[in-house]
Amino acid sequence: MNTQKMLKQMQKMQADMERVQAELAQESVTAAAGGGAVTARVSGGLELLEVKIDPAAVDPEDVEMLEDTVVAAVNEAMRQAQQLAQDRLGVVAGGFSGLGLPGL
Protein backbone atom coordinates (compact mmCIF):
# COMPACT_ATOMS: atom_id res chain seq x y z
CA MET A 1 0.00 0.00 0.00
CA ASN A 2 1.38 3.39 -0.88
CA THR A 3 1.90 6.05 1.77
CA GLN A 4 -0.53 8.54 0.21
CA LYS A 5 -3.38 6.03 0.19
CA MET A 6 -2.63 4.98 3.77
CA LEU A 7 -2.59 8.63 4.90
CA LYS A 8 -5.99 9.25 3.28
CA GLN A 9 -7.44 6.17 4.97
CA MET A 10 -6.08 7.28 8.34
CA GLN A 11 -7.55 10.77 7.88
CA LYS A 12 -10.94 9.24 7.01
CA MET A 13 -10.82 7.01 10.08
CA GLN A 14 -9.94 9.99 12.27
CA ALA A 15 -12.92 11.91 10.89
CA ASP A 16 -15.13 8.86 11.46
CA MET A 17 -13.89 8.55 15.06
CA GLU A 18 -14.65 12.22 15.73
CA ARG A 19 -18.13 11.82 14.22
CA VAL A 20 -18.87 8.73 16.33
CA GLN A 21 -17.61 10.46 19.50
CA ALA A 22 -19.91 13.43 18.81
CA GLU A 23 -22.82 11.03 18.28
CA LEU A 24 -21.99 9.21 21.52
CA ALA A 25 -22.11 12.48 23.45
CA GLN A 26 -25.74 12.83 22.34
CA GLU A 27 -26.73 9.31 23.44
CA SER A 28 -27.31 7.98 26.92
CA VAL A 29 -27.94 4.75 28.78
CA THR A 30 -29.97 4.21 31.92
CA ALA A 31 -29.44 1.55 34.55
CA ALA A 32 -31.41 0.71 37.68
CA ALA A 33 -30.53 -0.89 40.98
CA GLY A 34 -32.44 -1.96 44.05
CA GLY A 35 -35.37 -3.22 42.02
CA GLY A 36 -35.70 0.14 40.29
CA ALA A 37 -35.45 2.19 43.47
CA VAL A 38 -32.49 4.09 41.98
CA THR A 39 -31.83 4.85 38.33
CA ALA A 40 -28.78 6.51 36.82
CA ARG A 41 -28.44 7.95 33.32
CA VAL A 42 -24.98 8.33 31.75
CA SER A 43 -24.06 9.83 28.40
CA GLY A 44 -22.10 7.95 25.76
CA GLY A 45 -19.30 10.35 26.66
CA LEU A 46 -19.28 8.88 30.20
CA GLU A 47 -20.86 11.87 31.92
CA LEU A 48 -23.34 11.19 34.74
CA LEU A 49 -26.47 13.03 33.60
CA GLU A 50 -29.09 12.08 36.14
CA VAL A 51 -29.79 10.06 39.27
CA LYS A 52 -33.38 9.38 40.33
CA ILE A 53 -34.32 7.95 43.71
CA ASP A 54 -37.73 6.56 44.52
CA PRO A 55 -38.85 8.28 47.74
CA ALA A 56 -39.84 4.86 49.11
CA ALA A 57 -36.15 3.92 49.01
CA VAL A 58 -35.24 6.67 51.48
CA ASP A 59 -35.01 5.08 54.92
CA PRO A 60 -33.37 7.37 57.48
CA GLU A 61 -32.50 4.26 59.49
CA ASP A 62 -30.56 2.71 56.59
CA VAL A 63 -28.83 5.44 54.59
CA GLU A 64 -25.98 3.05 53.83
CA MET A 65 -28.28 0.81 51.78
CA LEU A 66 -29.39 3.79 49.69
CA GLU A 67 -25.79 4.88 49.17
CA ASP A 68 -24.83 1.38 48.01
CA THR A 69 -27.82 1.29 45.66
CA VAL A 70 -26.86 4.63 44.11
CA VAL A 71 -23.29 3.44 43.60
CA ALA A 72 -24.54 0.21 41.99
CA ALA A 73 -26.85 2.08 39.59
CA VAL A 74 -24.15 4.57 38.59
CA ASN A 75 -21.53 1.85 38.10
CA GLU A 76 -23.87 -0.20 35.91
CA ALA A 77 -24.82 2.84 33.81
CA MET A 78 -21.12 3.67 33.37
CA ARG A 79 -20.39 0.08 32.35
CA GLN A 80 -23.19 0.19 29.78
CA ALA A 81 -22.00 3.56 28.43
CA GLN A 82 -18.44 2.23 28.11
CA GLN A 83 -19.74 -0.81 26.24
CA LEU A 84 -21.77 1.44 23.92
CA ALA A 85 -18.67 3.54 23.20
CA GLN A 86 -16.51 0.44 22.69
CA ASP A 87 -19.05 -1.05 20.29
CA ARG A 88 -19.39 2.13 18.23
CA LEU A 89 -15.71 3.11 18.19
CA GLY A 90 -14.60 -0.49 17.64
CA VAL A 91 -16.26 -0.52 14.23
CA VAL A 92 -14.24 2.52 13.17
CA ALA A 93 -11.02 1.38 14.85
CA GLY A 94 -11.33 -1.96 13.10
CA GLY A 95 -10.34 -0.14 9.92
CA PHE A 96 -6.83 0.34 11.29
CA SER A 97 -6.16 -3.37 10.96
CA GLY A 98 -6.76 -3.09 7.22
CA LEU A 99 -3.86 -0.68 6.85
CA GLY A 100 -1.26 -3.40 7.23
CA LEU A 101 0.57 -1.58 10.02
CA PRO A 102 2.63 -3.74 12.36
CA GLY A 103 0.94 -4.44 15.68
CA LEU A 104 -2.57 -3.58 14.45
PDB file of N, CA and C in Angstrom:
ATOM      1  N   MET A   1       0.854  -1.180   0.000  1.00  0.00           N
ATOM      2  CA  MET A   1       0.000   0.000   0.000  1.00  0.00           C
ATOM      3  C   MET A   1       0.891   1.232   0.000  1.00  0.00           C
ATOM      4  N   ASN A   2       0.547   2.200  -0.847  1.00  0.00           N
ATOM      5  CA  ASN A   2       1.385   3.390  -0.881  1.00  0.00           C
ATOM      6  C   ASN A   2       1.056   4.327   0.283  1.00  0.00           C
ATOM      7  N   THR A   3       2.003   5.169   0.609  1.00  0.00           N
ATOM      8  CA  THR A   3       1.895   6.046   1.766  1.00  0.00           C
ATOM      9  C   THR A   3       0.744   7.028   1.622  1.00  0.00           C
ATOM     10  N   GLN A   4       0.537   7.564   0.446  1.00  0.00           N
ATOM     11  CA  GLN A   4      -0.526   8.540   0.210  1.00  0.00           C
ATOM     12  C   GLN A   4      -1.904   7.920   0.481  1.00  0.00           C
ATOM     13  N   LYS A   5      -2.106   6.721  -0.014  1.00  0.00           N
ATOM     14  CA  LYS A   5      -3.382   6.031   0.189  1.00  0.00           C
ATOM     15  C   LYS A   5      -3.593   5.734   1.675  1.00  0.00           C
ATOM     16  N   MET A   6      -2.543   5.288   2.349  1.00  0.00           N
ATOM     17  CA  MET A   6      -2.627   4.976   3.771  1.00  0.00           C
ATOM     18  C   MET A   6      -2.952   6.246   4.563  1.00  0.00           C
ATOM     19  N   LEU A   7      -2.348   7.364   4.214  1.00  0.00           N
ATOM     20  CA  LEU A   7      -2.590   8.630   4.898  1.00  0.00           C
ATOM     21  C   LEU A   7      -4.052   9.050   4.729  1.00  0.00           C
ATOM     22  N   LYS A   8      -4.582   8.900   3.523  1.00  0.00           N
ATOM     23  CA  LYS A   8      -5.986   9.248   3.280  1.00  0.00           C
ATOM     24  C   LYS A   8      -6.917   8.366   4.101  1.00  0.00           C
ATOM     25  N   GLN A   9      -6.613   7.077   4.175  1.00  0.00           N
ATOM     26  CA  GLN A   9      -7.444   6.168   4.968  1.00  0.00           C
ATOM     27  C   GLN A   9      -7.394   6.541   6.449  1.00  0.00           C
ATOM     28  N   MET A  10      -6.217   6.895   6.935  1.00  0.00           N
ATOM     29  CA  MET A  10      -6.085   7.277   8.341  1.00  0.00           C
ATOM     30  C   MET A  10      -6.848   8.571   8.621  1.00  0.00           C
ATOM     31  N   GLN A  11      -6.818   9.515   7.702  1.00  0.00           N
ATOM     32  CA  GLN A  11      -7.554  10.766   7.881  1.00  0.00           C
ATOM     33  C   GLN A  11      -9.057  10.499   7.897  1.00  0.00           C
ATOM     34  N   LYS A  12      -9.515   9.598   7.040  1.00  0.00           N
ATOM     35  CA  LYS A  12     -10.939   9.243   7.010  1.00  0.00           C
ATOM     36  C   LYS A  12     -11.341   8.587   8.321  1.00  0.00           C
ATOM     37  N   MET A  13     -10.515   7.677   8.821  1.00  0.00           N
ATOM     38  CA  MET A  13     -10.823   7.012  10.084  1.00  0.00           C
ATOM     39  C   MET A  13     -10.850   8.003  11.236  1.00  0.00           C
ATOM     40  N   GLN A  14      -9.946   8.976  11.211  1.00  0.00           N
ATOM     41  CA  GLN A  14      -9.938   9.988  12.266  1.00  0.00           C
ATOM     42  C   GLN A  14     -11.230  10.795  12.220  1.00  0.00           C
ATOM     43  N   ALA A  15     -11.661  11.177  11.035  1.00  0.00           N
ATOM     44  CA  ALA A  15     -12.919  11.912  10.894  1.00  0.00           C
ATOM     45  C   ALA A  15     -14.094  11.059  11.359  1.00  0.00           C
ATOM     46  N   ASP A  16     -14.069   9.762  11.024  1.00  0.00           N
ATOM     47  CA  ASP A  16     -15.129   8.857  11.456  1.00  0.00           C
ATOM     48  C   ASP A  16     -15.151   8.737  12.976  1.00  0.00           C
ATOM     49  N   MET A  17     -13.978   8.650  13.604  1.00  0.00           N
ATOM     50  CA  MET A  17     -13.893   8.554  15.064  1.00  0.00           C
ATOM     51  C   MET A  17     -14.476   9.811  15.711  1.00  0.00           C
ATOM     52  N   GLU A  18     -14.138  10.962  15.180  1.00  0.00           N
ATOM     53  CA  GLU A  18     -14.650  12.220  15.732  1.00  0.00           C
ATOM     54  C   GLU A  18     -16.166  12.294  15.587  1.00  0.00           C
ATOM     55  N   ARG A  19     -16.685  11.827  14.446  1.00  0.00           N
ATOM     56  CA  ARG A  19     -18.132  11.823  14.219  1.00  0.00           C
ATOM     57  C   ARG A  19     -18.820  10.898  15.223  1.00  0.00           C
ATOM     58  N   VAL A  20     -18.272   9.698  15.411  1.00  0.00           N
ATOM     59  CA  VAL A  20     -18.872   8.732  16.334  1.00  0.00           C
ATOM     60  C   VAL A  20     -18.815   9.268  17.765  1.00  0.00           C
ATOM     61  N   GLN A  21     -17.723   9.900  18.149  1.00  0.00           N
ATOM     62  CA  GLN A  21     -17.611  10.456  19.496  1.00  0.00           C
ATOM     63  C   GLN A  21     -18.646  11.556  19.717  1.00  0.00           C
ATOM     64  N   ALA A  22     -18.889  12.383  18.698  1.00  0.00           N
ATOM     65  CA  ALA A  22     -19.908  13.427  18.807  1.00  0.00           C
ATOM     66  C   ALA A  22     -21.301  12.802  18.939  1.00  0.00           C
ATOM     67  N   GLU A  23     -21.542  11.739  18.184  1.00  0.00           N
ATOM     68  CA  GLU A  23     -22.824  11.033  18.282  1.00  0.00           C
ATOM     69  C   GLU A  23     -22.994  10.414  19.667  1.00  0.00           C
ATOM     70  N   LEU A  24     -21.932   9.825  20.200  1.00  0.00           N
ATOM     71  CA  LEU A  24     -21.993   9.211  21.524  1.00  0.00           C
ATOM     72  C   LEU A  24     -22.349  10.241  22.595  1.00  0.00           C
ATOM     73  N   ALA A  25     -21.840  11.441  22.462  1.00  0.00           N
ATOM     74  CA  ALA A  25     -22.113  12.483  23.454  1.00  0.00           C
ATOM     75  C   ALA A  25     -23.601  12.823  23.497  1.00  0.00           C
ATOM     76  N   GLN A  26     -24.310  12.545  22.411  1.00  0.00           N
ATOM     77  CA  GLN A  26     -25.743  12.834  22.343  1.00  0.00           C
ATOM     78  C   GLN A  26     -26.595  11.656  22.824  1.00  0.00           C
ATOM     79  N   GLU A  27     -25.996  10.490  23.007  1.00  0.00           N
ATOM     80  CA  GLU A  27     -26.727   9.306  23.439  1.00  0.00           C
ATOM     81  C   GLU A  27     -26.559   9.107  24.940  1.00  0.00           C
ATOM     82  N   SER A  28     -27.450   8.296  25.508  1.00  0.00           N
ATOM     83  CA  SER A  28     -27.313   7.980  26.925  1.00  0.00           C
ATOM     84  C   SER A  28     -27.853   6.578  27.187  1.00  0.00           C
ATOM     85  N   VAL A  29     -27.432   6.032  28.313  1.00  0.00           N
ATOM     86  CA  VAL A  29     -27.938   4.748  28.783  1.00  0.00           C
ATOM     87  C   VAL A  29     -28.440   4.953  30.208  1.00  0.00           C
ATOM     88  N   THR A  30     -29.403   4.135  30.574  1.00  0.00           N
ATOM     89  CA  THR A  30     -29.972   4.208  31.915  1.00  0.00           C
ATOM     90  C   THR A  30     -29.895   2.831  32.558  1.00  0.00           C
ATOM     91  N   ALA A  31     -29.497   2.803  33.812  1.00  0.00           N
ATOM     92  CA  ALA A  31     -29.440   1.550  34.555  1.00  0.00           C
ATOM     93  C   ALA A  31     -30.132   1.749  35.894  1.00  0.00           C
ATOM     94  N   ALA A  32     -30.703   0.665  36.398  1.00  0.00           N
ATOM     95  CA  ALA A  32     -31.409   0.714  37.675  1.00  0.00           C
ATOM     96  C   ALA A  32     -30.781  -0.263  38.651  1.00  0.00           C
ATOM     97  N   ALA A  33     -30.986   0.009  39.917  1.00  0.00           N
ATOM     98  CA  ALA A  33     -30.527  -0.891  40.976  1.00  0.00           C
ATOM     99  C   ALA A  33     -31.572  -0.885  42.079  1.00  0.00           C
ATOM    100  N   GLY A  34     -31.491  -1.882  42.942  1.00  0.00           N
ATOM    101  CA  GLY A  34     -32.442  -1.962  44.051  1.00  0.00           C
ATOM    102  C   GLY A  34     -33.867  -2.164  43.574  1.00  0.00           C
ATOM    103  N   GLY A  35     -34.023  -2.970  42.533  1.00  0.00           N
ATOM    104  CA  GLY A  35     -35.368  -3.225  42.020  1.00  0.00           C
ATOM    105  C   GLY A  35     -36.008  -1.991  41.411  1.00  0.00           C
ATOM    106  N   GLY A  36     -35.194  -1.079  40.908  1.00  0.00           N
ATOM    107  CA  GLY A  36     -35.704   0.137  40.288  1.00  0.00           C
ATOM    108  C   GLY A  36     -35.817   1.305  41.250  1.00  0.00           C
ATOM    109  N   ALA A  37     -35.369   1.116  42.485  1.00  0.00           N
ATOM    110  CA  ALA A  37     -35.445   2.195  43.473  1.00  0.00           C
ATOM    111  C   ALA A  37     -34.531   3.360  43.103  1.00  0.00           C
ATOM    112  N   VAL A  38     -33.432   3.052  42.414  1.00  0.00           N
ATOM    113  CA  VAL A  38     -32.493   4.086  41.977  1.00  0.00           C
ATOM    114  C   VAL A  38     -32.178   3.856  40.505  1.00  0.00           C
ATOM    115  N   THR A  39     -32.247   4.930  39.727  1.00  0.00           N
ATOM    116  CA  THR A  39     -31.829   4.850  38.328  1.00  0.00           C
ATOM    117  C   THR A  39     -30.770   5.910  38.084  1.00  0.00           C
ATOM    118  N   ALA A  40     -29.844   5.574  37.187  1.00  0.00           N
ATOM    119  CA  ALA A  40     -28.781   6.507  36.817  1.00  0.00           C
ATOM    120  C   ALA A  40     -28.727   6.559  35.301  1.00  0.00           C
ATOM    121  N   ARG A  41     -28.552   7.768  34.768  1.00  0.00           N
ATOM    122  CA  ARG A  41     -28.438   7.950  33.320  1.00  0.00           C
ATOM    123  C   ARG A  41     -27.066   8.556  33.034  1.00  0.00           C
ATOM    124  N   VAL A  42     -26.338   7.921  32.098  1.00  0.00           N
ATOM    125  CA  VAL A  42     -24.977   8.327  31.751  1.00  0.00           C
ATOM    126  C   VAL A  42     -24.909   8.532  30.243  1.00  0.00           C
ATOM    127  N   SER A  43     -24.211   9.576  29.831  1.00  0.00           N
ATOM    128  CA  SER A  43     -24.055   9.835  28.398  1.00  0.00           C
ATOM    129  C   SER A  43     -23.045   8.873  27.792  1.00  0.00           C
ATOM    130  N   GLY A  44     -23.086   8.758  26.467  1.00  0.00           N
ATOM    131  CA  GLY A  44     -22.102   7.953  25.758  1.00  0.00           C
ATOM    132  C   GLY A  44     -20.697   8.495  25.930  1.00  0.00           C
ATOM    133  N   GLY A  45     -20.587   9.740  26.369  1.00  0.00           N
ATOM    134  CA  GLY A  45     -19.298  10.351  26.665  1.00  0.00           C
ATOM    135  C   GLY A  45     -18.876  10.150  28.111  1.00  0.00           C
ATOM    136  N   LEU A  46     -19.574   9.261  28.813  1.00  0.00           N
ATOM    137  CA  LEU A  46     -19.281   8.880  30.201  1.00  0.00           C
ATOM    138  C   LEU A  46     -19.485  10.009  31.207  1.00  0.00           C
ATOM    139  N   GLU A  47     -20.511  10.815  30.983  1.00  0.00           N
ATOM    140  CA  GLU A  47     -20.862  11.870  31.922  1.00  0.00           C
ATOM    141  C   GLU A  47     -22.151  11.458  32.641  1.00  0.00           C
ATOM    142  N   LEU A  48     -22.141  11.494  33.971  1.00  0.00           N
ATOM    143  CA  LEU A  48     -23.341  11.189  34.739  1.00  0.00           C
ATOM    144  C   LEU A  48     -24.324  12.326  34.519  1.00  0.00           C
ATOM    145  N   LEU A  49     -25.489  12.005  33.942  1.00  0.00           N
ATOM    146  CA  LEU A  49     -26.474  13.030  33.603  1.00  0.00           C
ATOM    147  C   LEU A  49     -27.579  13.167  34.646  1.00  0.00           C
ATOM    148  N   GLU A  50     -27.920  12.037  35.272  1.00  0.00           N
ATOM    149  CA  GLU A  50     -29.091  12.076  36.142  1.00  0.00           C
ATOM    150  C   GLU A  50     -29.093  10.879  37.091  1.00  0.00           C
ATOM    151  N   VAL A  51     -29.537  11.127  38.304  1.00  0.00           N
ATOM    152  CA  VAL A  51     -29.792  10.063  39.272  1.00  0.00           C
ATOM    153  C   VAL A  51     -31.190  10.309  39.822  1.00  0.00           C
ATOM    154  N   LYS A  52     -32.027   9.280  39.779  1.00  0.00           N
ATOM    155  CA  LYS A  52     -33.380   9.379  40.332  1.00  0.00           C
ATOM    156  C   LYS A  52     -33.514   8.366  41.454  1.00  0.00           C
ATOM    157  N   ILE A  53     -34.127   8.806  42.542  1.00  0.00           N
ATOM    158  CA  ILE A  53     -34.316   7.948  43.707  1.00  0.00           C
ATOM    159  C   ILE A  53     -35.797   7.924  44.051  1.00  0.00           C
ATOM    160  N   ASP A  54     -36.344   6.734  44.106  1.00  0.00           N
ATOM    161  CA  ASP A  54     -37.732   6.557  44.518  1.00  0.00           C
ATOM    162  C   ASP A  54     -37.823   6.956  45.988  1.00  0.00           C
ATOM    163  N   PRO A  55     -38.734   7.862  46.329  1.00  0.00           N
ATOM    164  CA  PRO A  55     -38.849   8.284  47.736  1.00  0.00           C
ATOM    165  C   PRO A  55     -39.038   7.118  48.707  1.00  0.00           C
ATOM    166  N   ALA A  56     -39.641   6.034  48.232  1.00  0.00           N
ATOM    167  CA  ALA A  56     -39.839   4.864  49.111  1.00  0.00           C
ATOM    168  C   ALA A  56     -38.508   4.219  49.488  1.00  0.00           C
ATOM    169  N   ALA A  57     -37.455   4.509  48.726  1.00  0.00           N
ATOM    170  CA  ALA A  57     -36.147   3.920  49.012  1.00  0.00           C
ATOM    171  C   ALA A  57     -35.388   4.686  50.095  1.00  0.00           C
ATOM    172  N   VAL A  58     -35.923   5.837  50.488  1.00  0.00           N
ATOM    173  CA  VAL A  58     -35.242   6.667  51.484  1.00  0.00           C
ATOM    174  C   VAL A  58     -35.677   6.234  52.884  1.00  0.00           C
ATOM    175  N   ASP A  59     -34.777   5.545  53.551  1.00  0.00           N
ATOM    176  CA  ASP A  59     -35.013   5.079  54.924  1.00  0.00           C
ATOM    177  C   ASP A  59     -33.946   5.719  55.806  1.00  0.00           C
ATOM    178  N   PRO A  60     -34.357   6.694  56.635  1.00  0.00           N
ATOM    179  CA  PRO A  60     -33.366   7.370  57.483  1.00  0.00           C
ATOM    180  C   PRO A  60     -32.594   6.420  58.400  1.00  0.00           C
ATOM    181  N   GLU A  61     -33.156   5.240  58.627  1.00  0.00           N
ATOM    182  CA  GLU A  61     -32.503   4.256  59.491  1.00  0.00           C
ATOM    183  C   GLU A  61     -31.457   3.437  58.736  1.00  0.00           C
ATOM    184  N   ASP A  62     -31.487   3.521  57.392  1.00  0.00           N
ATOM    185  CA  ASP A  62     -30.560   2.706  56.591  1.00  0.00           C
ATOM    186  C   ASP A  62     -30.045   3.495  55.387  1.00  0.00           C
ATOM    187  N   VAL A  63     -29.384   4.593  55.645  1.00  0.00           N
ATOM    188  CA  VAL A  63     -28.831   5.441  54.592  1.00  0.00           C
ATOM    189  C   VAL A  63     -27.764   4.683  53.809  1.00  0.00           C
ATOM    190  N   GLU A  64     -27.044   3.824  54.478  1.00  0.00           N
ATOM    191  CA  GLU A  64     -25.980   3.053  53.829  1.00  0.00           C
ATOM    192  C   GLU A  64     -26.516   2.211  52.667  1.00  0.00           C
ATOM    193  N   MET A  65     -27.678   1.626  52.843  1.00  0.00           N
ATOM    194  CA  MET A  65     -28.280   0.809  51.781  1.00  0.00           C
ATOM    195  C   MET A  65     -28.579   1.687  50.561  1.00  0.00           C
ATOM    196  N   LEU A  66     -29.102   2.873  50.793  1.00  0.00           N
ATOM    197  CA  LEU A  66     -29.394   3.789  49.688  1.00  0.00           C
ATOM    198  C   LEU A  66     -28.103   4.204  48.995  1.00  0.00           C
ATOM    199  N   GLU A  67     -27.081   4.508  49.759  1.00  0.00           N
ATOM    200  CA  GLU A  67     -25.788   4.878  49.169  1.00  0.00           C
ATOM    201  C   GLU A  67     -25.248   3.757  48.294  1.00  0.00           C
ATOM    202  N   ASP A  68     -25.311   2.541  48.785  1.00  0.00           N
ATOM    203  CA  ASP A  68     -24.835   1.384  48.011  1.00  0.00           C
ATOM    204  C   ASP A  68     -25.643   1.198  46.737  1.00  0.00           C
ATOM    205  N   THR A  69     -26.947   1.437  46.824  1.00  0.00           N
ATOM    206  CA  THR A  69     -27.820   1.290  45.660  1.00  0.00           C
ATOM    207  C   THR A  69     -27.499   2.351  44.605  1.00  0.00           C
ATOM    208  N   VAL A  70     -27.236   3.569  45.045  1.00  0.00           N
ATOM    209  CA  VAL A  70     -26.856   4.635  44.111  1.00  0.00           C
ATOM    210  C   VAL A  70     -25.544   4.279  43.409  1.00  0.00           C
ATOM    211  N   VAL A  71     -24.578   3.828  44.178  1.00  0.00           N
ATOM    212  CA  VAL A  71     -23.289   3.439  43.598  1.00  0.00           C
ATOM    213  C   VAL A  71     -23.482   2.318  42.579  1.00  0.00           C
ATOM    214  N   ALA A  72     -24.304   1.330  42.911  1.00  0.00           N
ATOM    215  CA  ALA A  72     -24.542   0.212  41.992  1.00  0.00           C
ATOM    216  C   ALA A  72     -25.190   0.686  40.693  1.00  0.00           C
ATOM    217  N   ALA A  73     -26.173   1.572  40.791  1.00  0.00           N
ATOM    218  CA  ALA A  73     -26.848   2.076  39.592  1.00  0.00           C
ATOM    219  C   ALA A  73     -25.890   2.887  38.723  1.00  0.00           C
ATOM    220  N   VAL A  74     -25.097   3.756  39.342  1.00  0.00           N
ATOM    221  CA  VAL A  74     -24.146   4.575  38.585  1.00  0.00           C
ATOM    222  C   VAL A  74     -23.079   3.696  37.934  1.00  0.00           C
ATOM    223  N   ASN A  75     -22.554   2.737  38.674  1.00  0.00           N
ATOM    224  CA  ASN A  75     -21.526   1.851  38.102  1.00  0.00           C
ATOM    225  C   ASN A  75     -22.072   1.057  36.914  1.00  0.00           C
ATOM    226  N   GLU A  76     -23.298   0.566  37.013  1.00  0.00           N
ATOM    227  CA  GLU A  76     -23.874  -0.198  35.906  1.00  0.00           C
ATOM    228  C   GLU A  76     -24.129   0.698  34.694  1.00  0.00           C
ATOM    229  N   ALA A  77     -24.607   1.910  34.920  1.00  0.00           N
ATOM    230  CA  ALA A  77     -24.820   2.836  33.807  1.00  0.00           C
ATOM    231  C   ALA A  77     -23.490   3.194  33.140  1.00  0.00           C
ATOM    232  N   MET A  78     -22.450   3.386  33.931  1.00  0.00           N
ATOM    233  CA  MET A  78     -21.118   3.673  33.371  1.00  0.00           C
ATOM    234  C   MET A  78     -20.617   2.486  32.555  1.00  0.00           C
ATOM    235  N   ARG A  79     -20.817   1.274  33.072  1.00  0.00           N
ATOM    236  CA  ARG A  79     -20.393   0.083  32.352  1.00  0.00           C
ATOM    237  C   ARG A  79     -21.113  -0.014  31.007  1.00  0.00           C
ATOM    238  N   GLN A  80     -22.418   0.250  31.019  1.00  0.00           N
ATOM    239  CA  GLN A  80     -23.189   0.194  29.781  1.00  0.00           C
ATOM    240  C   GLN A  80     -22.749   1.277  28.793  1.00  0.00           C
ATOM    241  N   ALA A  81     -22.452   2.466  29.297  1.00  0.00           N
ATOM    242  CA  ALA A  81     -21.997   3.560  28.427  1.00  0.00           C
ATOM    243  C   ALA A  81     -20.628   3.232  27.832  1.00  0.00           C
ATOM    244  N   GLN A  82     -19.758   2.630  28.621  1.00  0.00           N
ATOM    245  CA  GLN A  82     -18.442   2.226  28.108  1.00  0.00           C
ATOM    246  C   GLN A  82     -18.588   1.164  27.030  1.00  0.00           C
ATOM    247  N   GLN A  83     -19.507   0.232  27.236  1.00  0.00           N
ATOM    248  CA  GLN A  83     -19.739  -0.810  26.244  1.00  0.00           C
ATOM    249  C   GLN A  83     -20.296  -0.207  24.955  1.00  0.00           C
ATOM    250  N   LEU A  84     -21.213   0.752  25.091  1.00  0.00           N
ATOM    251  CA  LEU A  84     -21.766   1.439  23.925  1.00  0.00           C
ATOM    252  C   LEU A  84     -20.650   2.122  23.138  1.00  0.00           C
ATOM    253  N   ALA A  85     -19.781   2.846  23.854  1.00  0.00           N
ATOM    254  CA  ALA A  85     -18.665   3.535  23.196  1.00  0.00           C
ATOM    255  C   ALA A  85     -17.720   2.533  22.543  1.00  0.00           C
ATOM    256  N   GLN A  86     -17.414   1.457  23.239  1.00  0.00           N
ATOM    257  CA  GLN A  86     -16.511   0.443  22.689  1.00  0.00           C
ATOM    258  C   GLN A  86     -17.101  -0.174  21.428  1.00  0.00           C
ATOM    259  N   ASP A  87     -18.397  -0.456  21.461  1.00  0.00           N
ATOM    260  CA  ASP A  87     -19.046  -1.048  20.289  1.00  0.00           C
ATOM    261  C   ASP A  87     -19.007  -0.101  19.092  1.00  0.00           C
ATOM    262  N   ARG A  88     -19.329   1.165  19.332  1.00  0.00           N
ATOM    263  CA  ARG A  88     -19.385   2.132  18.231  1.00  0.00           C
ATOM    264  C   ARG A  88     -17.995   2.477  17.700  1.00  0.00           C
ATOM    265  N   LEU A  89     -17.059   2.725  18.611  1.00  0.00           N
ATOM    266  CA  LEU A  89     -15.712   3.105  18.186  1.00  0.00           C
ATOM    267  C   LEU A  89     -14.939   1.911  17.645  1.00  0.00           C
ATOM    268  N   GLY A  90     -15.272   0.712  18.114  1.00  0.00           N
ATOM    269  CA  GLY A  90     -14.598  -0.491  17.638  1.00  0.00           C
ATOM    270  C   GLY A  90     -14.801  -0.721  16.159  1.00  0.00           C
ATOM    271  N   VAL A  91     -15.980  -0.364  15.660  1.00  0.00           N
ATOM    272  CA  VAL A  91     -16.259  -0.518  14.233  1.00  0.00           C
ATOM    273  C   VAL A  91     -15.312   0.363  13.425  1.00  0.00           C
ATOM    274  N   VAL A  92     -15.135   1.595  13.874  1.00  0.00           N
ATOM    275  CA  VAL A  92     -14.239   2.523  13.170  1.00  0.00           C
ATOM    276  C   VAL A  92     -12.792   2.096  13.349  1.00  0.00           C
ATOM    277  N   ALA A  93     -12.410   1.763  14.572  1.00  0.00           N
ATOM    278  CA  ALA A  93     -11.020   1.385  14.853  1.00  0.00           C
ATOM    279  C   ALA A  93     -10.640   0.102  14.129  1.00  0.00           C
ATOM    280  N   GLY A  94     -11.605  -0.731  13.829  1.00  0.00           N
ATOM    281  CA  GLY A  94     -11.329  -1.957  13.101  1.00  0.00           C
ATOM    282  C   GLY A  94     -10.707  -1.693  11.749  1.00  0.00           C
ATOM    283  N   GLY A  95     -10.922  -0.508  11.207  1.00  0.00           N
ATOM    284  CA  GLY A  95     -10.335  -0.135   9.923  1.00  0.00           C
ATOM    285  C   GLY A  95      -8.827  -0.005   9.980  1.00  0.00           C
ATOM    286  N   PHE A  96      -8.279   0.228  11.167  1.00  0.00           N
ATOM    287  CA  PHE A  96      -6.828   0.342  11.288  1.00  0.00           C
ATOM    288  C   PHE A  96      -6.137  -0.974  10.946  1.00  0.00           C
ATOM    289  N   SER A  97      -6.800  -2.084  11.231  1.00  0.00           N
ATOM    290  CA  SER A  97      -6.160  -3.372  10.960  1.00  0.00           C
ATOM    291  C   SER A  97      -6.013  -3.594   9.454  1.00  0.00           C
ATOM    292  N   GLY A  98      -6.847  -2.941   8.667  1.00  0.00           N
ATOM    293  CA  GLY A  98      -6.760  -3.088   7.221  1.00  0.00           C
ATOM    294  C   GLY A  98      -5.635  -2.289   6.588  1.00  0.00           C
ATOM    295  N   LEU A  99      -4.943  -1.509   7.388  1.00  0.00           N
ATOM    296  CA  LEU A  99      -3.858  -0.680   6.855  1.00  0.00           C
ATOM    297  C   LEU A  99      -2.545  -1.440   6.733  1.00  0.00           C
ATOM    298  N   GLY A 100      -2.485  -2.598   7.320  1.00  0.00           N
ATOM    299  CA  GLY A 100      -1.257  -3.397   7.233  1.00  0.00           C
ATOM    300  C   GLY A 100      -0.120  -2.860   8.069  1.00  0.00           C
ATOM    301  N   LEU A 101      -0.478  -2.115   9.138  1.00  0.00           N
ATOM    302  CA  LEU A 101       0.566  -1.580  10.016  1.00  0.00           C
ATOM    303  C   LEU A 101       0.947  -2.639  11.045  1.00  0.00           C
ATOM    304  N   PRO A 102       2.203  -2.744  11.370  1.00  0.00           N
ATOM    305  CA  PRO A 102       2.632  -3.737  12.364  1.00  0.00           C
ATOM    306  C   PRO A 102       1.962  -3.478  13.713  1.00  0.00           C
ATOM    307  N   GLY A 103       1.526  -4.544  14.356  1.00  0.00           N
ATOM    308  CA  GLY A 103       0.943  -4.438  15.677  1.00  0.00           C
ATOM    309  C   GLY A 103      -0.533  -4.109  15.667  1.00  0.00           C
ATOM    310  N   LEU A 104      -1.139  -3.906  14.509  1.00  0.00           N
ATOM    311  CA  LEU A 104      -2.574  -3.578  14.453  1.00  0.00           C
ATOM    312  C   LEU A 104      -3.350  -4.698  13.828  1.00  0.00           C
TER     313      LEU A 104
END
